[in-house]
Protein backbone atom coordinates (compact mmCIF):
# COMPACT_ATOMS: atom_id res chain seq x y z
CA UNK A 1 -52.02 361.05 68.67
CA UNK A 2 -48.36 360.12 68.74
CA UNK A 3 -45.86 357.39 69.94
CA UNK A 4 -44.81 360.26 72.66
CA UNK A 5 -48.41 361.21 73.53
CA UNK A 6 -49.05 357.46 74.27
CA UNK A 7 -45.63 356.98 76.31
CA UNK A 8 -46.78 360.19 78.22
CA UNK A 9 -50.24 358.47 79.00
CA UNK A 10 -48.42 355.56 79.72
CA UNK A 11 -46.22 356.88 81.83
CA UNK A 12 -49.14 358.90 83.56
CA UNK A 13 -51.07 355.14 83.88
CA UNK A 14 -48.12 354.73 86.19
CA UNK A 15 -48.00 357.02 88.43
CA UNK A 16 -49.75 360.65 87.38
CA UNK A 17 -48.05 362.23 90.17
CA UNK A 18 -44.83 361.70 89.18
CA UNK A 19 -42.69 364.84 87.49
CA UNK A 20 -43.07 366.08 84.46
CA UNK A 21 -39.03 365.66 84.28
CA UNK A 22 -39.46 361.98 85.00
CA UNK A 23 -41.53 361.63 81.99
CA UNK A 24 -39.67 363.82 80.01
CA UNK A 25 -36.90 361.52 80.52
CA UNK A 26 -38.48 358.36 79.88
CA UNK A 27 -39.96 359.68 76.70
CA UNK A 28 -37.14 361.30 75.33
CA UNK A 29 -38.58 364.84 75.03
CA UNK A 30 -37.82 368.25 76.69
CA UNK A 31 -39.93 369.30 80.16
CA UNK A 32 -41.65 371.90 77.88
CA UNK A 33 -42.77 369.66 75.33
CA UNK A 34 -44.31 366.84 77.41
CA UNK A 35 -46.08 369.93 79.40
CA UNK A 36 -47.51 370.93 76.20
CA UNK A 37 -48.63 367.35 75.38
CA UNK A 38 -50.12 366.88 78.82
CA UNK A 39 -52.28 369.81 78.23
CA UNK A 40 -53.29 369.31 74.71
CA UNK A 41 -54.33 365.66 76.40
CA UNK A 42 -56.26 367.10 78.90
CA UNK A 43 -57.86 369.97 76.78
CA UNK A 44 -58.82 367.63 73.91
CA UNK A 45 -60.35 365.66 76.53
CA UNK A 46 -57.87 362.37 76.36
CA UNK A 47 -56.85 362.69 79.45
CA UNK A 48 -60.35 363.15 81.36
CA UNK A 49 -58.79 363.54 84.72
CA UNK A 50 -56.67 361.89 87.66
CA UNK A 51 -58.01 360.15 90.57
CA UNK A 52 -57.11 358.07 93.58
CA UNK A 53 -58.14 354.48 93.71
CA UNK A 54 -58.16 353.13 97.05
CA UNK A 55 -57.66 349.52 97.80
CA UNK A 56 -60.97 347.40 98.48
CA UNK A 57 -59.59 346.80 101.81
CA UNK A 58 -59.74 350.82 102.66
CA UNK A 59 -62.90 351.32 101.04
CA UNK A 60 -66.30 352.06 102.86
CA UNK A 61 -69.09 349.78 101.45
CA UNK A 62 -68.69 346.81 99.37
CA UNK A 63 -68.57 346.51 95.91
CA UNK A 64 -69.79 343.22 93.55
CA UNK A 65 -70.68 341.74 90.41
CA UNK A 66 -73.71 340.33 89.19
CA UNK A 67 -74.02 337.69 87.01
CA UNK A 68 -77.28 337.65 85.05
CA UNK A 69 -79.80 335.62 83.38
CA UNK A 70 -82.87 337.34 81.88
CA UNK A 71 -85.70 335.96 79.76
CA UNK A 72 -86.06 339.06 77.27
CA UNK A 73 -85.64 338.96 73.62
CA UNK A 74 -82.79 341.59 74.08
CA UNK A 75 -80.43 342.90 76.82
CA UNK A 76 -81.66 346.36 76.01
CA UNK A 77 -85.12 345.32 76.98
CA UNK A 78 -83.91 344.58 80.63
CA UNK A 79 -81.33 347.27 81.50
CA UNK A 80 -84.14 349.82 82.79
CA UNK A 81 -83.93 347.54 85.98
CA UNK A 82 -80.22 348.54 86.50
CA UNK A 83 -80.37 352.06 85.33
CA UNK A 84 -83.04 352.67 88.26
CA UNK A 85 -80.43 351.83 90.65
CA UNK A 86 -78.01 354.58 92.01
CA UNK A 87 -75.45 352.06 92.88
CA UNK A 88 -75.24 350.62 89.22
CA UNK A 89 -71.69 351.35 88.34
CA UNK A 90 -71.51 349.32 85.24
CA UNK A 91 -73.87 346.56 83.39
CA UNK A 92 -72.49 345.19 80.37
CA UNK A 93 -73.74 342.42 77.91
CA UNK A 94 -71.39 339.32 78.04
CA UNK A 95 -71.38 336.08 76.25
CA UNK A 96 -71.94 332.57 77.63
CA UNK A 97 -74.76 331.23 79.89
CA UNK A 98 -75.49 334.72 81.28
CA UNK A 99 -76.58 337.78 79.65
CA UNK A 100 -75.00 340.73 81.64
CA UNK A 101 -72.39 341.49 84.17
CA UNK A 102 -73.34 344.37 86.70
CA UNK A 103 -70.56 345.82 88.53
CA UNK A 104 -72.45 347.79 91.71
CA UNK A 105 -70.59 349.80 94.70
CA UNK A 106 -72.96 349.82 97.74
CA UNK A 107 -72.88 351.55 101.41
CA UNK A 108 -73.34 348.39 103.24
CA UNK A 109 -73.56 344.23 102.88
CA UNK A 110 -77.14 345.15 104.15
CA UNK A 111 -77.83 347.44 100.95
CA UNK A 112 -76.09 344.84 98.42
CA UNK A 113 -78.35 342.73 99.62
CA UNK A 114 -81.49 344.51 98.70
CA UNK A 115 -80.37 345.26 95.31
CA UNK A 116 -79.82 341.97 94.70
CA UNK A 117 -83.31 341.20 95.73
CA UNK A 118 -84.55 344.12 94.12
CA UNK A 119 -83.27 342.83 90.87
CA UNK A 120 -84.04 339.14 91.70
CA UNK A 121 -87.64 339.88 92.24
CA UNK A 122 -87.99 341.36 88.73
CA UNK A 123 -89.69 338.76 86.62
CA UNK A 124 -88.08 338.97 83.98
CA UNK A 125 -84.60 337.90 85.92
CA UNK A 126 -84.08 334.23 85.54
CA UNK A 127 -81.10 333.94 87.27
CA UNK A 128 -78.65 335.64 89.43
CA UNK A 129 -75.17 335.28 90.58
CA UNK A 130 -73.31 337.45 93.22
CA UNK A 131 -69.52 337.59 93.09
CA UNK A 132 -68.45 340.16 96.24
CA UNK A 133 -65.15 341.98 95.79
CA UNK A 134 -62.77 340.68 98.33
CA UNK A 135 -59.42 342.75 96.63
CA UNK A 136 -58.51 345.07 94.10
CA UNK A 137 -55.38 344.92 92.31
CA UNK A 138 -55.42 346.76 88.80
CA UNK A 139 -58.24 349.19 88.29
CA UNK A 140 -57.87 350.82 84.48
CA UNK A 141 -61.28 352.05 84.05
CA UNK A 142 -60.15 355.40 84.02
CA UNK A 143 -58.95 355.44 80.41
């Protein structure tokens, strides 16, 4: 991936619906060269797709982050709990007082509460803190 590919990806991240001509002007390449590069980036899997991201206020359901502290020797020993919950989007090991950061998207506040209670009921979970997402301004996960 060279500087032109990186510039094209940057332009697509800003607005994936902009025209190839507009991107070509931004990156100083011909329209056909940009089209070919985008096609190669897609075929190689560097660009895996395009998506619509709704603001939190427009979404159905609720999302939250759970900070989890456990008493297992390794975080890998407790991850199975989160793998069994379909609403879990990500589960990451973190530094600090807590061990894991789990991102959940649930259909309702009631379902989010059920998930939290299920996690809290696990014998290896010492502490759980819930942070409900109120607004979302930037989401670059589709990288």
